[in-house]
Amino acid sequence: MKKEISLLLLLMLFATSAFSQQKDKVLITLNGVNAFASKTEILQQFGEPIAITKPDYECGFLSSDEQGEVFYSLEYDGFTWTGNGKRDYVLEELKIGKVDSLLIKFQGELVSQNTSSEKLLEIVGNLEVSVDKSKGGRNEWFKSTLKNKGVEVFCITVPLYDDAYHFYFVDDRLDLIAYWSPY
């Protein structure tokens, strides 16, 4: 019995370690700043934001009510970081077309508005991902934010722990990277 419990614990430890490696990697950087960064790092690289707001999320990792701490969004032209002094800020939204002059890296590879889904999946390598080409859900939401509603949109999701990054494509070109956390 002790042998089975020891084996089970060893397997759980190995699985947890392997799974955590995906989040521990520097998956996304913007001008060399990790997607999970301190406010100081962000301000040093990008200067003062256009606006600092308090997001009003009902739930999730960035919800002030649910987490019991106040979160702030540092809003720049084309990208937003959200966090607080207790936790790192997370790169919450990155509008690829608006930040063309910045260096965006995923898994150490440059990505831009010219990056196709095939290229992103090649860069992803052996990370766990899901591809959603459905007409509803997150794709419907994303399409509703676009001026041209006649385009094809879909999403590639790269999970972290319970949270994830969504990579949204318009006519098979990278358009938006958005952070997501569970409800």
Protein backbone atom coordinates (compact mmCIF):
# COMPACT_ATOMS: atom_id res chain seq x y z
CA MET A 1 0.00 0.00 0.00
CA LYS A 2 2.83 2.41 0.87
CA LYS A 3 4.44 1.60 -2.46
CA GLU A 4 1.27 2.58 -4.39
CA ILE A 5 0.87 5.82 -2.44
CA SER A 6 4.54 6.69 -2.99
CA LEU A 7 4.21 5.98 -6.70
CA LEU A 8 1.04 8.07 -6.91
CA LEU A 9 2.72 11.00 -5.12
CA LEU A 10 5.75 10.74 -7.40
CA LEU A 11 3.54 10.77 -10.50
CA MET A 12 1.59 13.77 -9.19
CA LEU A 13 4.82 15.64 -8.47
CA PHE A 14 6.15 14.91 -11.95
CA ALA A 15 2.89 15.96 -13.63
CA THR A 16 2.72 19.19 -11.61
CA SER A 17 6.34 19.99 -12.42
CA ALA A 18 5.89 19.34 -16.14
CA PHE A 19 2.65 21.34 -16.28
CA SER A 20 4.10 24.32 -14.42
CA GLN A 21 6.96 24.59 -16.91
CA GLN A 22 4.54 26.02 -19.48
CA LYS A 23 3.75 29.06 -17.30
CA ASP A 24 7.26 29.41 -15.93
CA LYS A 25 8.64 29.92 -19.43
CA VAL A 26 8.79 33.42 -20.80
CA LEU A 27 6.09 32.82 -23.40
CA ILE A 28 5.42 36.40 -24.48
CA THR A 29 7.59 39.50 -24.34
CA LEU A 30 6.90 43.02 -25.54
CA ASN A 31 10.11 44.96 -26.22
CA GLY A 32 11.90 42.51 -23.94
CA VAL A 33 9.45 42.86 -21.03
CA ASN A 34 7.90 39.57 -19.90
CA ALA A 35 4.09 39.33 -20.09
CA PHE A 36 4.14 39.00 -16.27
CA ALA A 37 6.20 41.99 -15.08
CA SER A 38 6.48 44.53 -12.31
CA LYS A 39 5.05 48.02 -12.71
CA THR A 40 8.61 49.38 -12.49
CA GLU A 41 9.76 47.25 -15.46
CA ILE A 42 6.76 48.36 -17.51
CA LEU A 43 7.23 52.07 -16.74
CA GLN A 44 10.98 51.89 -17.45
CA GLN A 45 10.36 50.39 -20.90
CA PHE A 46 7.19 52.20 -22.01
CA GLY A 47 7.03 55.36 -19.90
CA GLU A 48 3.87 56.72 -18.34
CA PRO A 49 0.63 55.16 -19.62
CA ILE A 50 -2.06 57.17 -21.38
CA ALA A 51 -4.41 56.28 -18.52
CA ILE A 52 -4.47 54.32 -15.28
CA THR A 53 -7.87 52.80 -14.57
CA LYS A 54 -9.45 50.34 -12.16
CA PRO A 55 -10.95 47.50 -14.20
CA ASP A 56 -14.30 46.27 -12.95
CA TYR A 57 -14.16 42.54 -13.60
CA GLU A 58 -16.88 40.53 -11.89
CA CYS A 59 -14.69 37.45 -11.58
CA GLY A 60 -11.32 35.97 -12.50
CA PHE A 61 -7.73 36.49 -11.44
CA LEU A 62 -7.95 40.25 -12.13
CA SER A 63 -11.21 40.83 -10.26
CA SER A 64 -10.80 43.15 -7.28
CA ASP A 65 -13.95 41.76 -5.64
CA GLU A 66 -13.02 38.11 -6.09
CA GLN A 67 -9.34 38.47 -5.19
CA GLY A 68 -9.89 40.91 -2.33
CA GLU A 69 -7.34 43.41 -3.62
CA VAL A 70 -7.48 46.41 -5.96
CA PHE A 71 -6.18 46.03 -9.52
CA TYR A 72 -5.10 48.79 -11.88
CA SER A 73 -4.80 48.84 -15.67
CA LEU A 74 -1.93 50.70 -17.29
CA GLU A 75 -3.36 51.66 -20.67
CA TYR A 76 -1.07 52.43 -23.58
CA ASP A 77 -1.88 52.89 -27.27
CA GLY A 78 -2.48 49.32 -28.39
CA PHE A 79 -1.73 47.42 -25.18
CA THR A 80 -2.82 47.17 -21.55
CA TRP A 81 -1.14 45.75 -18.44
CA THR A 82 -3.26 44.94 -15.37
CA GLY A 83 -2.05 44.15 -11.86
CA ASN A 84 -1.13 45.74 -8.54
CA GLY A 85 1.74 46.15 -6.09
CA LYS A 86 1.24 42.68 -4.58
CA ARG A 87 1.31 40.77 -7.87
CA ASP A 88 3.03 41.23 -11.18
CA TYR A 89 1.14 43.08 -13.87
CA VAL A 90 -0.05 40.86 -16.71
CA LEU A 91 -0.03 41.88 -20.36
CA GLU A 92 -3.81 41.75 -20.67
CA GLU A 93 -4.37 42.92 -24.23
CA LEU A 94 -2.11 43.51 -27.20
CA LYS A 95 -3.56 44.88 -30.44
CA ILE A 96 -0.95 43.72 -32.93
CA GLY A 97 -1.64 46.29 -35.67
CA LYS A 98 -1.30 49.22 -33.26
CA VAL A 99 2.08 48.11 -31.88
CA ASP A 100 3.83 47.31 -35.16
CA SER A 101 6.89 49.31 -34.10
CA LEU A 102 7.37 47.18 -30.94
CA LEU A 103 9.09 43.80 -30.79
CA ILE A 104 6.63 41.06 -29.86
CA LYS A 105 8.09 37.65 -29.14
CA PHE A 106 6.34 34.39 -28.44
CA GLN A 107 8.57 31.52 -27.28
CA GLY A 108 11.54 33.70 -28.27
CA GLU A 109 10.36 34.08 -31.90
CA LEU A 110 9.22 37.38 -33.40
CA VAL A 111 5.51 37.60 -34.19
CA SER A 112 3.63 40.39 -35.93
CA GLN A 113 0.46 41.15 -37.84
CA ASN A 114 1.96 39.08 -40.66
CA THR A 115 2.16 35.93 -38.52
CA SER A 116 -0.14 33.18 -39.81
CA SER A 117 -1.81 30.55 -37.65
CA GLU A 118 0.42 27.91 -39.23
CA LYS A 119 3.53 29.86 -38.21
CA LEU A 120 2.23 30.39 -34.67
CA LEU A 121 1.49 26.66 -34.31
CA GLU A 122 5.02 25.95 -35.53
CA ILE A 123 6.41 28.31 -32.85
CA VAL A 124 4.15 26.75 -30.20
CA GLY A 125 5.94 23.46 -30.70
CA ASN A 126 4.93 20.93 -28.07
CA LEU A 127 2.97 23.29 -25.81
CA GLU A 128 -0.63 22.36 -25.17
CA VAL A 129 -2.99 24.44 -27.36
CA SER A 130 -6.54 24.44 -28.63
CA VAL A 131 -7.80 25.86 -31.92
CA ASP A 132 -11.34 27.27 -32.04
CA LYS A 133 -12.80 27.99 -35.48
CA SER A 134 -16.43 28.00 -34.30
CA LYS A 135 -18.82 30.84 -35.11
CA GLY A 136 -19.83 31.48 -31.49
CA GLY A 137 -18.28 32.14 -28.11
CA ARG A 138 -14.99 34.02 -28.00
CA ASN A 139 -14.83 34.24 -31.79
CA GLU A 140 -18.24 35.93 -31.94
CA TRP A 141 -17.12 38.39 -29.26
CA PHE A 142 -13.89 39.15 -31.12
CA LYS A 143 -15.67 39.61 -34.46
CA SER A 144 -18.07 42.08 -32.80
CA THR A 145 -15.08 44.32 -31.98
CA LEU A 146 -14.01 44.59 -35.63
CA LYS A 147 -15.14 47.19 -38.17
CA ASN A 148 -15.30 44.67 -41.01
CA LYS A 149 -17.71 41.92 -39.92
CA GLY A 150 -17.21 39.91 -43.15
CA VAL A 151 -13.81 38.51 -42.21
CA GLU A 152 -12.92 35.03 -41.01
CA VAL A 153 -11.82 34.95 -37.37
CA PHE A 154 -10.59 32.20 -35.10
CA CYS A 155 -8.61 31.70 -31.93
CA ILE A 156 -5.63 29.65 -30.78
CA THR A 157 -5.53 29.27 -27.00
CA VAL A 158 -2.31 28.58 -25.09
CA PRO A 159 -3.15 27.53 -21.51
CA LEU A 160 -0.91 28.53 -18.62
CA TYR A 161 -2.27 27.15 -15.30
CA ASP A 162 -5.97 27.89 -14.96
CA ASP A 163 -5.49 30.99 -17.10
CA ALA A 164 -4.49 31.31 -20.76
CA TYR A 165 -3.54 33.54 -23.65
CA HIS A 166 -5.87 33.74 -26.65
CA PHE A 167 -4.28 34.51 -30.03
CA TYR A 168 -6.99 35.90 -32.34
CA PHE A 169 -6.59 35.78 -36.11
CA VAL A 170 -8.37 37.78 -38.83
CA ASP A 171 -8.15 36.21 -42.29
CA ASP A 172 -5.35 34.01 -40.90
CA ARG A 173 -3.18 36.91 -39.66
CA LEU A 174 -2.47 37.58 -35.99
CA ASP A 175 -4.56 40.52 -34.81
CA LEU A 176 -4.94 40.37 -31.02
CA ILE A 177 -3.38 38.63 -28.04
CA ALA A 178 -5.62 38.63 -24.96
CA TYR A 179 -5.15 37.26 -21.46
CA TRP A 180 -7.97 35.16 -20.01
CA SER A 181 -8.63 33.87 -16.51
CA PRO A 182 -11.46 31.63 -15.30
CA TYR A 183 -14.72 32.82 -13.84
